Amino acid sequence: MREVLSSLVFLFLIGCETSTISGPEQKIPVWELPVTVELDTRLEMDGNGFYHLDIDEENWQTLHRLSGHVYRDGEPLEGFKVNWASSHYWYLGDTLGYIVNTYLNDEGVYVSVDTSYMIGFDGMEVPTINPASYSNGDGEINTMIAPVKTMVGDTIVIGLAYYGPESLEIDDMPELIEEYFSIVLN
């Protein structure tokens, strides 16, 4: 029992080591270094700083991926949460769609036996962007936007928010950083 307890204390002491970056004047704990988010919209920007997305008018929604990278002290940061918001949303009608119930018969042919409509969604608000993403091991973040074809000609404002350097002081809150950019829907 004494050996197990000694091993646990030893592991605890090793696990509680503080990681710091040393400079000539001071040591800065890693969690207090600034976070950098570099956004890649994968869209062309005009001279006024607006991005442009061509809407597919043959389909209800146009899907587009927004990407970026998160760094702390020049190193990719894994598991970092970024919140996303959009100025635009749309409402569902009374039906979301339908489900066709099928099965394979004894001859291996699909047979449709019933169609069930998914109803009761009238008035539900649908955002045009996923609300959050987390960075992967390479520091990459991704989210999807999906404006609908009735939004052609609108300018959608996208916001991203994340917390900056953290502090171990109990009363200190990390700094909330917000960035905004606009996408013209062509």
N, C-alpha and C. Protein backbone atom coordinates (compact mmCIF):
# COMPACT_ATOMS: atom_id res chain seq x y z
N MET A 1 0.83 -1.19 0.00
CA MET A 1 0.00 0.00 0.00
C MET A 1 0.87 1.25 0.00
N ARG A 2 1.95 1.21 0.80
CA ARG A 2 2.85 2.36 0.88
C ARG A 2 3.49 2.63 -0.48
N GLU A 3 3.85 1.55 -1.23
CA GLU A 3 4.47 1.73 -2.53
C GLU A 3 3.49 2.36 -3.52
N VAL A 4 2.24 1.93 -3.49
CA VAL A 4 1.22 2.48 -4.37
C VAL A 4 1.00 3.95 -4.06
N LEU A 5 0.89 4.30 -2.79
CA LEU A 5 0.69 5.69 -2.38
C LEU A 5 1.87 6.55 -2.78
N SER A 6 3.08 6.05 -2.62
CA SER A 6 4.28 6.79 -3.02
C SER A 6 4.30 7.01 -4.52
N SER A 7 3.89 6.01 -5.29
CA SER A 7 3.85 6.14 -6.75
C SER A 7 2.83 7.19 -7.17
N LEU A 8 1.66 7.20 -6.54
CA LEU A 8 0.63 8.19 -6.87
C LEU A 8 1.09 9.60 -6.56
N VAL A 9 1.75 9.80 -5.42
CA VAL A 9 2.27 11.12 -5.06
C VAL A 9 3.32 11.54 -6.08
N PHE A 10 4.19 10.63 -6.47
CA PHE A 10 5.24 10.93 -7.45
C PHE A 10 4.62 11.33 -8.79
N LEU A 11 3.60 10.57 -9.26
CA LEU A 11 2.92 10.91 -10.52
C LEU A 11 2.20 12.25 -10.42
N PHE A 12 1.61 12.54 -9.28
CA PHE A 12 0.92 13.81 -9.11
C PHE A 12 1.90 14.97 -9.22
N LEU A 13 3.05 14.83 -8.61
CA LEU A 13 4.05 15.90 -8.66
C LEU A 13 4.56 16.12 -10.06
N ILE A 14 4.74 15.05 -10.82
CA ILE A 14 5.19 15.19 -12.20
C ILE A 14 4.09 15.83 -13.05
N GLY A 15 2.83 15.42 -12.86
CA GLY A 15 1.71 15.93 -13.65
C GLY A 15 1.39 17.38 -13.36
N CYS A 16 1.83 17.94 -12.26
CA CYS A 16 1.50 19.31 -11.90
C CYS A 16 2.56 20.30 -12.34
N GLU A 17 3.49 19.87 -13.14
CA GLU A 17 4.55 20.77 -13.60
C GLU A 17 3.95 21.86 -14.49
N THR A 18 4.38 23.09 -14.32
CA THR A 18 3.89 24.20 -15.11
C THR A 18 4.77 24.37 -16.34
N SER A 19 4.14 24.41 -17.50
CA SER A 19 4.87 24.62 -18.74
C SER A 19 5.01 26.12 -18.98
N THR A 20 6.22 26.57 -19.24
CA THR A 20 6.45 28.00 -19.47
C THR A 20 7.34 28.20 -20.67
N ILE A 21 7.30 29.41 -21.19
CA ILE A 21 8.20 29.82 -22.25
C ILE A 21 9.14 30.85 -21.62
N SER A 22 10.41 30.61 -21.73
CA SER A 22 11.38 31.49 -21.08
C SER A 22 11.86 32.56 -22.03
N GLY A 23 11.99 33.72 -21.52
CA GLY A 23 12.60 34.82 -22.25
C GLY A 23 13.72 35.37 -21.39
N PRO A 24 14.46 36.33 -21.92
CA PRO A 24 15.56 36.88 -21.13
C PRO A 24 15.08 37.61 -19.88
N GLU A 25 13.82 38.10 -19.89
CA GLU A 25 13.36 38.90 -18.77
C GLU A 25 12.39 38.17 -17.85
N GLN A 26 11.57 37.26 -18.42
CA GLN A 26 10.55 36.63 -17.60
C GLN A 26 10.14 35.29 -18.16
N LYS A 27 9.42 34.54 -17.36
CA LYS A 27 8.82 33.29 -17.81
C LYS A 27 7.33 33.53 -17.96
N ILE A 28 6.78 33.18 -19.14
CA ILE A 28 5.36 33.38 -19.41
C ILE A 28 4.70 32.00 -19.46
N PRO A 29 3.71 31.75 -18.60
CA PRO A 29 3.00 30.47 -18.70
C PRO A 29 2.35 30.34 -20.07
N VAL A 30 2.35 29.13 -20.62
CA VAL A 30 1.83 28.88 -21.96
C VAL A 30 0.39 29.36 -22.09
N TRP A 31 -0.45 29.16 -21.06
CA TRP A 31 -1.87 29.52 -21.16
C TRP A 31 -2.09 31.04 -21.21
N GLU A 32 -1.05 31.84 -20.96
CA GLU A 32 -1.21 33.29 -21.03
C GLU A 32 -0.72 33.87 -22.35
N LEU A 33 -0.20 33.03 -23.25
CA LEU A 33 0.25 33.51 -24.56
C LEU A 33 -0.96 33.79 -25.44
N PRO A 34 -0.85 34.78 -26.32
CA PRO A 34 -2.00 35.11 -27.17
C PRO A 34 -2.33 33.98 -28.15
N VAL A 35 -3.61 33.91 -28.49
CA VAL A 35 -4.10 32.96 -29.47
C VAL A 35 -4.31 33.71 -30.78
N THR A 36 -3.89 33.11 -31.88
CA THR A 36 -4.07 33.71 -33.19
C THR A 36 -4.98 32.82 -34.02
N VAL A 37 -6.03 33.40 -34.60
CA VAL A 37 -6.92 32.68 -35.49
C VAL A 37 -6.77 33.29 -36.87
N GLU A 38 -6.35 32.44 -37.83
CA GLU A 38 -6.21 32.88 -39.21
C GLU A 38 -7.33 32.25 -40.02
N LEU A 39 -8.22 33.07 -40.56
CA LEU A 39 -9.41 32.61 -41.26
C LEU A 39 -9.13 32.43 -42.75
N ASP A 40 -9.70 31.40 -43.34
CA ASP A 40 -9.64 31.16 -44.78
C ASP A 40 -11.08 30.90 -45.23
N THR A 41 -11.70 31.90 -45.85
CA THR A 41 -13.10 31.77 -46.27
C THR A 41 -13.26 30.97 -47.54
N ARG A 42 -12.17 30.79 -48.30
CA ARG A 42 -12.20 30.11 -49.60
C ARG A 42 -13.10 30.85 -50.59
N LEU A 43 -13.16 32.17 -50.43
CA LEU A 43 -13.96 33.01 -51.31
C LEU A 43 -13.12 34.18 -51.80
N GLU A 44 -13.50 34.72 -52.95
CA GLU A 44 -12.84 35.91 -53.49
C GLU A 44 -13.31 37.14 -52.73
N MET A 45 -12.38 38.07 -52.48
CA MET A 45 -12.71 39.33 -51.80
C MET A 45 -12.64 40.47 -52.81
N ASP A 46 -13.62 41.37 -52.76
CA ASP A 46 -13.60 42.53 -53.65
C ASP A 46 -12.79 43.66 -53.03
N GLY A 47 -12.70 44.77 -53.73
CA GLY A 47 -11.92 45.92 -53.28
C GLY A 47 -12.47 46.59 -52.02
N ASN A 48 -13.72 46.32 -51.68
CA ASN A 48 -14.33 46.90 -50.49
C ASN A 48 -14.24 45.99 -49.26
N GLY A 49 -13.59 44.84 -49.40
CA GLY A 49 -13.42 43.93 -48.27
C GLY A 49 -14.57 42.96 -48.08
N PHE A 50 -15.45 42.83 -49.08
CA PHE A 50 -16.56 41.88 -49.01
C PHE A 50 -16.18 40.61 -49.77
N TYR A 51 -16.53 39.47 -49.17
CA TYR A 51 -16.36 38.20 -49.86
C TYR A 51 -17.60 37.95 -50.70
N HIS A 52 -17.48 37.10 -51.73
CA HIS A 52 -18.61 36.82 -52.62
C HIS A 52 -18.81 35.31 -52.74
N LEU A 53 -20.08 34.87 -52.57
CA LEU A 53 -20.45 33.47 -52.71
C LEU A 53 -21.56 33.37 -53.75
N ASP A 54 -21.36 32.54 -54.77
CA ASP A 54 -22.38 32.32 -55.78
C ASP A 54 -23.39 31.31 -55.25
N ILE A 55 -24.66 31.70 -55.27
CA ILE A 55 -25.74 30.84 -54.78
C ILE A 55 -26.18 29.90 -55.91
N ASP A 56 -26.33 28.64 -55.59
CA ASP A 56 -26.82 27.64 -56.53
C ASP A 56 -28.34 27.72 -56.54
N GLU A 57 -28.90 28.32 -57.58
CA GLU A 57 -30.35 28.51 -57.63
C GLU A 57 -31.11 27.27 -58.08
N GLU A 58 -30.39 26.20 -58.40
CA GLU A 58 -31.03 24.93 -58.75
C GLU A 58 -31.36 24.13 -57.49
N ASN A 59 -30.72 24.45 -56.36
CA ASN A 59 -30.95 23.76 -55.09
C ASN A 59 -31.42 24.76 -54.05
N TRP A 60 -32.08 24.26 -53.01
CA TRP A 60 -32.59 25.14 -51.96
C TRP A 60 -31.45 25.80 -51.19
N GLN A 61 -30.44 25.01 -50.82
CA GLN A 61 -29.31 25.54 -50.05
C GLN A 61 -28.02 25.44 -50.84
N THR A 62 -27.12 26.38 -50.57
CA THR A 62 -25.77 26.33 -51.12
C THR A 62 -24.84 26.08 -49.94
N LEU A 63 -24.13 24.97 -49.99
CA LEU A 63 -23.21 24.63 -48.90
C LEU A 63 -21.82 25.16 -49.21
N HIS A 64 -21.19 25.76 -48.19
CA HIS A 64 -19.83 26.27 -48.35
C HIS A 64 -19.09 26.13 -47.02
N ARG A 65 -17.85 25.66 -47.09
CA ARG A 65 -17.03 25.47 -45.88
C ARG A 65 -16.12 26.66 -45.64
N LEU A 66 -16.16 27.18 -44.42
CA LEU A 66 -15.22 28.20 -43.96
C LEU A 66 -14.17 27.51 -43.10
N SER A 67 -12.92 27.84 -43.30
CA SER A 67 -11.83 27.18 -42.58
C SER A 67 -10.92 28.21 -41.94
N GLY A 68 -9.96 27.71 -41.22
CA GLY A 68 -8.94 28.56 -40.61
C GLY A 68 -8.00 27.72 -39.78
N HIS A 69 -7.07 28.39 -39.14
CA HIS A 69 -6.11 27.73 -38.25
C HIS A 69 -5.98 28.53 -36.96
N VAL A 70 -5.76 27.82 -35.88
CA VAL A 70 -5.59 28.42 -34.56
C VAL A 70 -4.16 28.13 -34.10
N TYR A 71 -3.48 29.18 -33.64
CA TYR A 71 -2.10 29.04 -33.18
C TYR A 71 -1.92 29.70 -31.82
N ARG A 72 -1.03 29.15 -31.02
CA ARG A 72 -0.58 29.78 -29.79
C ARG A 72 0.94 29.75 -29.84
N ASP A 73 1.54 30.93 -29.83
CA ASP A 73 2.99 31.07 -29.92
C ASP A 73 3.53 30.37 -31.18
N GLY A 74 2.77 30.49 -32.29
CA GLY A 74 3.19 29.92 -33.56
C GLY A 74 2.97 28.43 -33.71
N GLU A 75 2.47 27.78 -32.69
CA GLU A 75 2.22 26.34 -32.73
C GLU A 75 0.73 26.07 -32.88
N PRO A 76 0.35 25.06 -33.69
CA PRO A 76 -1.08 24.73 -33.83
C PRO A 76 -1.67 24.37 -32.47
N LEU A 77 -2.89 24.81 -32.25
CA LEU A 77 -3.57 24.59 -30.98
C LEU A 77 -4.72 23.62 -31.19
N GLU A 78 -4.70 22.49 -30.51
CA GLU A 78 -5.73 21.45 -30.66
C GLU A 78 -6.83 21.63 -29.62
N GLY A 79 -8.07 21.32 -30.02
CA GLY A 79 -9.20 21.35 -29.09
C GLY A 79 -9.65 22.74 -28.70
N PHE A 80 -9.37 23.74 -29.53
CA PHE A 80 -9.73 25.12 -29.24
C PHE A 80 -11.11 25.41 -29.83
N LYS A 81 -12.04 25.92 -29.02
CA LYS A 81 -13.41 26.17 -29.46
C LYS A 81 -13.55 27.56 -30.06
N VAL A 82 -14.20 27.59 -31.22
CA VAL A 82 -14.55 28.85 -31.88
C VAL A 82 -16.06 28.84 -32.07
N ASN A 83 -16.74 29.90 -31.64
CA ASN A 83 -18.18 30.05 -31.82
C ASN A 83 -18.45 30.86 -33.07
N TRP A 84 -19.49 30.49 -33.80
CA TRP A 84 -19.85 31.15 -35.06
C TRP A 84 -21.28 31.66 -34.97
N ALA A 85 -21.55 32.77 -35.64
CA ALA A 85 -22.92 33.31 -35.71
C ALA A 85 -23.11 33.94 -37.09
N SER A 86 -24.36 34.02 -37.50
CA SER A 86 -24.70 34.57 -38.81
C SER A 86 -25.87 35.54 -38.65
N SER A 87 -25.89 36.53 -39.51
CA SER A 87 -26.99 37.50 -39.48
C SER A 87 -28.25 36.94 -40.13
N HIS A 88 -28.14 35.85 -40.87
CA HIS A 88 -29.28 35.32 -41.62
C HIS A 88 -29.71 33.95 -41.12
N TYR A 89 -31.00 33.68 -41.26
CA TYR A 89 -31.60 32.39 -40.94
C TYR A 89 -32.86 32.28 -41.79
N TRP A 90 -33.46 31.12 -41.79
CA TRP A 90 -34.71 30.93 -42.54
C TRP A 90 -35.63 30.03 -41.73
N TYR A 91 -36.90 29.98 -42.13
CA TYR A 91 -37.91 29.20 -41.40
C TYR A 91 -38.37 28.00 -42.22
N LEU A 92 -38.57 26.90 -41.52
CA LEU A 92 -39.11 25.70 -42.17
C LEU A 92 -40.60 25.88 -42.39
N GLY A 93 -41.10 25.25 -43.44
CA GLY A 93 -42.54 25.20 -43.67
C GLY A 93 -43.12 24.10 -42.79
N ASP A 94 -44.29 23.60 -43.16
CA ASP A 94 -44.97 22.61 -42.33
C ASP A 94 -44.31 21.23 -42.40
N THR A 95 -43.64 20.92 -43.52
CA THR A 95 -43.00 19.61 -43.63
C THR A 95 -41.51 19.76 -43.82
N LEU A 96 -40.78 18.86 -43.24
CA LEU A 96 -39.33 18.82 -43.38
C LEU A 96 -38.95 17.97 -44.57
N GLY A 97 -39.77 17.04 -44.93
CA GLY A 97 -39.50 16.10 -46.01
C GLY A 97 -40.30 14.85 -45.78
N TYR A 98 -39.82 13.76 -46.33
CA TYR A 98 -40.54 12.50 -46.16
C TYR A 98 -39.56 11.34 -46.10
N ILE A 99 -40.07 10.25 -45.57
CA ILE A 99 -39.31 9.01 -45.48
C ILE A 99 -40.10 7.95 -46.22
N VAL A 100 -39.44 7.28 -47.14
CA VAL A 100 -40.08 6.18 -47.85
C VAL A 100 -39.59 4.90 -47.20
N ASN A 101 -40.51 4.13 -46.64
CA ASN A 101 -40.15 2.86 -46.01
C ASN A 101 -40.04 1.79 -47.08
N THR A 102 -38.88 1.18 -47.18
CA THR A 102 -38.65 0.13 -48.18
C THR A 102 -38.02 -1.09 -47.52
N TYR A 103 -38.12 -2.19 -48.23
CA TYR A 103 -37.45 -3.40 -47.77
C TYR A 103 -37.09 -4.23 -49.01
N LEU A 104 -36.22 -5.21 -48.83
CA LEU A 104 -35.87 -6.15 -49.90
C LEU A 104 -36.82 -7.35 -49.81
N ASN A 105 -37.45 -7.69 -50.94
CA ASN A 105 -38.31 -8.87 -50.93
C ASN A 105 -37.47 -10.12 -51.13
N ASP A 106 -38.11 -11.26 -51.25
CA ASP A 106 -37.39 -12.54 -51.38
C ASP A 106 -36.56 -12.64 -52.65
N GLU A 107 -36.92 -11.86 -53.68
CA GLU A 107 -36.16 -11.87 -54.94
C GLU A 107 -35.04 -10.83 -54.94
N GLY A 108 -34.84 -10.12 -53.83
CA GLY A 108 -33.78 -9.12 -53.76
C GLY A 108 -34.13 -7.80 -54.41
N VAL A 109 -35.43 -7.50 -54.52
CA VAL A 109 -35.91 -6.26 -55.14
C VAL A 109 -36.43 -5.35 -54.04
N TYR A 110 -36.05 -4.05 -54.11
CA TYR A 110 -36.58 -3.09 -53.14
C TYR A 110 -38.06 -2.84 -53.41
N VAL A 111 -38.85 -2.86 -52.36
CA VAL A 111 -40.29 -2.64 -52.46
C VAL A 111 -40.64 -1.49 -51.51
N SER A 112 -41.35 -0.48 -52.04
CA SER A 112 -41.81 0.64 -51.20
C SER A 112 -43.17 0.28 -50.64
N VAL A 113 -43.30 0.40 -49.33
CA VAL A 113 -44.56 0.02 -48.70
C VAL A 113 -45.30 1.19 -48.09
N ASP A 114 -44.60 2.27 -47.79
CA ASP A 114 -45.26 3.38 -47.10
C ASP A 114 -44.41 4.64 -47.25
N THR A 115 -45.06 5.76 -47.28
CA THR A 115 -44.37 7.05 -47.28
C THR A 115 -44.85 7.82 -46.05
N SER A 116 -43.92 8.20 -45.20
CA SER A 116 -44.25 8.95 -43.99
C SER A 116 -43.73 10.38 -44.13
N TYR A 117 -44.63 11.35 -44.01
CA TYR A 117 -44.22 12.74 -44.09
C TYR A 117 -43.84 13.24 -42.70
N MET A 118 -42.76 13.96 -42.63
CA MET A 118 -42.29 14.52 -41.36
C MET A 118 -42.94 15.88 -41.21
N ILE A 119 -43.96 15.98 -40.37
CA ILE A 119 -44.73 17.22 -40.24
C ILE A 119 -44.55 17.83 -38.85
N GLY A 120 -45.02 19.05 -38.70
CA GLY A 120 -44.99 19.70 -37.40
C GLY A 120 -43.77 20.58 -37.19
N PHE A 121 -43.06 20.90 -38.27
CA PHE A 121 -41.87 21.73 -38.15
C PHE A 121 -42.13 23.17 -38.56
N ASP A 122 -43.38 23.52 -38.80
CA ASP A 122 -43.74 24.85 -39.29
C ASP A 122 -43.22 25.93 -38.34
N GLY A 123 -42.45 26.86 -38.89
CA GLY A 123 -41.98 28.00 -38.11
C GLY A 123 -40.66 27.78 -37.39
N MET A 124 -40.05 26.60 -37.51
CA MET A 124 -38.77 26.38 -36.85
C MET A 124 -37.68 27.19 -37.55
N GLU A 125 -36.89 27.89 -36.75
CA GLU A 125 -35.82 28.73 -37.27
C GLU A 125 -34.59 27.88 -37.59
N VAL A 126 -34.01 28.10 -38.77
CA VAL A 126 -32.83 27.36 -39.20
C VAL A 126 -31.69 28.36 -39.42
N PRO A 127 -30.60 28.25 -38.67
CA PRO A 127 -29.47 29.16 -38.87
C PRO A 127 -28.75 28.82 -40.17
N THR A 128 -28.03 29.77 -40.72
CA THR A 128 -27.27 29.52 -41.95
C THR A 128 -25.82 29.14 -41.66
N ILE A 129 -25.48 28.93 -40.40
CA ILE A 129 -24.11 28.55 -40.06
C ILE A 129 -24.14 27.60 -38.86
N ASN A 130 -23.18 26.69 -38.81
CA ASN A 130 -23.02 25.84 -37.63
C ASN A 130 -22.49 26.69 -36.49
N PRO A 131 -22.98 26.49 -35.26
CA PRO A 131 -22.66 27.42 -34.18
C PRO A 131 -21.29 27.29 -33.53
N ALA A 132 -20.59 26.17 -33.70
CA ALA A 132 -19.30 26.02 -33.02
C ALA A 132 -18.43 25.01 -33.74
N SER A 133 -17.13 25.15 -33.58
CA SER A 133 -16.18 24.15 -34.08
C SER A 133 -14.98 24.12 -33.16
N TYR A 134 -14.29 22.99 -33.19
CA TYR A 134 -13.08 22.80 -32.38
C TYR A 134 -11.92 22.50 -33.31
N SER A 135 -10.75 23.02 -32.97
CA SER A 135 -9.58 22.79 -33.81
C SER A 135 -9.09 21.37 -33.67
N ASN A 136 -8.55 20.83 -34.77
CA ASN A 136 -8.00 19.48 -34.74
C ASN A 136 -6.52 19.52 -34.35
N GLY A 137 -5.81 18.42 -34.50
CA GLY A 137 -4.40 18.34 -34.10
C GLY A 137 -3.49 19.27 -34.87
N ASP A 138 -3.92 19.70 -36.07
CA ASP A 138 -3.14 20.64 -36.87
C ASP A 138 -3.57 22.08 -36.63
N GLY A 139 -4.48 22.30 -35.67
CA GLY A 139 -4.99 23.64 -35.38
C GLY A 139 -6.06 24.10 -36.36
N GLU A 140 -6.54 23.21 -37.23
CA GLU A 140 -7.51 23.58 -38.25
C GLU A 140 -8.92 23.62 -37.67
N ILE A 141 -9.66 24.69 -38.01
CA ILE A 141 -11.07 24.81 -37.65
C ILE A 141 -11.89 24.85 -38.93
N ASN A 142 -13.11 24.35 -38.87
CA ASN A 142 -14.01 24.35 -40.02
C ASN A 142 -15.43 24.55 -39.53
N THR A 143 -16.23 25.22 -40.35
CA THR A 143 -17.67 25.29 -40.14
C THR A 143 -18.33 25.39 -41.50
N MET A 144 -19.60 25.09 -41.54
CA MET A 144 -20.34 25.14 -42.80
C MET A 144 -21.37 26.27 -42.74
N ILE A 145 -21.49 26.97 -43.87
CA ILE A 145 -22.58 27.92 -44.04
C ILE A 145 -23.49 27.35 -45.12
N ALA A 146 -24.78 27.66 -45.03
CA ALA A 146 -25.74 27.12 -45.98
C ALA A 146 -26.86 28.12 -46.22
N PRO A 147 -26.56 29.23 -46.92
CA PRO A 147 -27.63 30.16 -47.26
C PRO A 147 -28.57 29.52 -48.28
N VAL A 148 -29.81 30.00 -48.32
CA VAL A 148 -30.82 29.47 -49.23
C VAL A 148 -30.99 30.40 -50.43
N LYS A 149 -31.60 29.86 -51.48
CA LYS A 149 -31.65 30.60 -52.75
C LYS A 149 -32.48 31.88 -52.67
N THR A 150 -33.38 32.02 -51.71
CA THR A 150 -34.15 33.26 -51.59
C THR A 150 -33.30 34.40 -51.02
N MET A 151 -32.09 34.11 -50.61
CA MET A 151 -31.19 35.13 -50.04
C MET A 151 -30.29 35.78 -51.08
N VAL A 152 -30.44 35.44 -52.36
CA VAL A 152 -29.61 36.03 -53.41
C VAL A 152 -29.74 37.55 -53.34
N GLY A 153 -28.62 38.24 -53.38
CA GLY A 153 -28.59 39.70 -53.32
C GLY A 153 -28.36 40.23 -51.92
N ASP A 154 -28.49 39.39 -50.90
CA ASP A 154 -28.26 39.81 -49.52
C ASP A 154 -26.77 39.79 -49.19
N THR A 155 -26.42 40.50 -48.14
CA THR A 155 -25.07 40.45 -47.59
C THR A 155 -25.19 39.86 -46.20
N ILE A 156 -24.56 38.74 -46.01
CA ILE A 156 -24.62 38.02 -44.74
C ILE A 156 -23.39 38.39 -43.91
N VAL A 157 -23.61 38.69 -42.65
CA VAL A 157 -22.51 39.03 -41.74
C VAL A 157 -22.23 37.81 -40.87
N ILE A 158 -20.99 37.36 -40.90
CA ILE A 158 -20.56 36.20 -40.11
C ILE A 158 -19.69 36.70 -38.97
N GLY A 159 -19.96 36.19 -37.78
CA GLY A 159 -19.15 36.53 -36.61
C GLY A 159 -18.51 35.29 -36.04
N LEU A 160 -17.27 35.42 -35.59
CA LEU A 160 -16.64 34.34 -34.87
C LEU A 160 -16.13 34.89 -33.56
N ALA A 161 -16.24 34.10 -32.52
CA ALA A 161 -15.84 34.54 -31.19
C ALA A 161 -15.07 33.42 -30.50
N TYR A 162 -14.03 33.81 -29.78
CA TYR A 162 -13.23 32.84 -29.05
C TYR A 162 -12.57 33.57 -27.88
N TYR A 163 -12.12 32.79 -26.93
CA TYR A 163 -11.47 33.36 -25.77
C TYR A 163 -9.97 33.42 -25.98
N GLY A 164 -9.38 34.55 -25.63
CA GLY A 164 -7.95 34.77 -25.78
C GLY A 164 -7.18 34.19 -24.62
N PRO A 165 -6.06 34.81 -24.27
CA PRO A 165 -5.21 34.26 -23.21
C PRO A 165 -5.98 34.07 -21.91
N GLU A 166 -5.66 32.98 -21.24
CA GLU A 166 -6.31 32.66 -19.98
C GLU A 166 -5.41 33.06 -18.82
N SER A 167 -5.98 33.21 -17.69
CA SER A 167 -5.23 33.53 -16.48
C SER A 167 -5.63 32.56 -15.39
N LEU A 168 -4.71 32.29 -14.49
CA LEU A 168 -5.03 31.39 -13.38
C LEU A 168 -5.61 32.14 -12.19
N GLU A 169 -5.67 33.45 -12.27
CA GLU A 169 -6.26 34.21 -11.18
C GLU A 169 -7.76 33.93 -11.14
N ILE A 170 -8.30 33.71 -9.98
CA ILE A 170 -9.71 33.33 -9.84
C ILE A 170 -10.65 34.41 -10.37
N ASP A 171 -10.35 35.67 -10.13
CA ASP A 171 -11.24 36.75 -10.54
C ASP A 171 -11.07 37.15 -12.00
N ASP A 172 -10.02 36.66 -12.67
CA ASP A 172 -9.76 37.05 -14.05
C ASP A 172 -10.52 36.15 -15.01
N MET A 173 -11.17 36.76 -15.98
CA MET A 173 -11.84 36.01 -17.03
C MET A 173 -11.01 36.15 -18.30
N PRO A 174 -10.95 35.11 -19.12
CA PRO A 174 -10.23 35.24 -20.38
C PRO A 174 -10.91 36.30 -21.25
N GLU A 175 -10.14 36.92 -22.10
CA GLU A 175 -10.65 37.96 -22.98
C GLU A 175 -11.46 37.34 -24.12
N LEU A 176 -12.69 37.82 -24.34
CA LEU A 176 -13.51 37.36 -25.46
C LEU A 176 -13.13 38.19 -26.68
N ILE A 177 -12.71 37.51 -27.73
CA ILE A 177 -12.32 38.17 -28.97
C ILE A 177 -13.38 37.88 -30.01
N GLU A 178 -13.88 38.93 -30.67
CA GLU A 178 -14.90 38.78 -31.70
C GLU A 178 -14.40 39.39 -33.00
N GLU A 179 -14.64 38.69 -34.10
CA GLU A 179 -14.28 39.17 -35.42
C GLU A 179 -15.50 39.02 -36.33
N TYR A 180 -15.62 39.93 -37.29
CA TYR A 180 -16.76 39.91 -38.21
C TYR A 180 -16.28 40.09 -39.63
N PHE A 181 -16.99 39.46 -40.56
CA PHE A 181 -16.73 39.68 -41.99
C PHE A 181 -18.05 39.50 -42.73
N SER A 182 -18.11 40.01 -43.96
CA SER A 182 -19.35 40.00 -44.73
C SER A 182 -19.19 39.20 -46.01
N ILE A 183 -20.26 38.49 -46.38
CA ILE A 183 -20.29 37.72 -47.62
C ILE A 183 -21.49 38.17 -48.43
N VAL A 184 -21.25 38.62 -49.64
CA VAL A 184 -22.32 39.00 -50.56
C VAL A 184 -22.78 37.72 -51.27
N LEU A 185 -24.08 37.49 -51.24
CA LEU A 185 -24.64 36.29 -51.87
C LEU A 185 -25.08 36.62 -53.29
N ASN A 186 -24.31 36.17 -54.26
CA ASN A 186 -24.58 36.46 -55.68
C ASN A 186 -25.45 35.39 -56.31
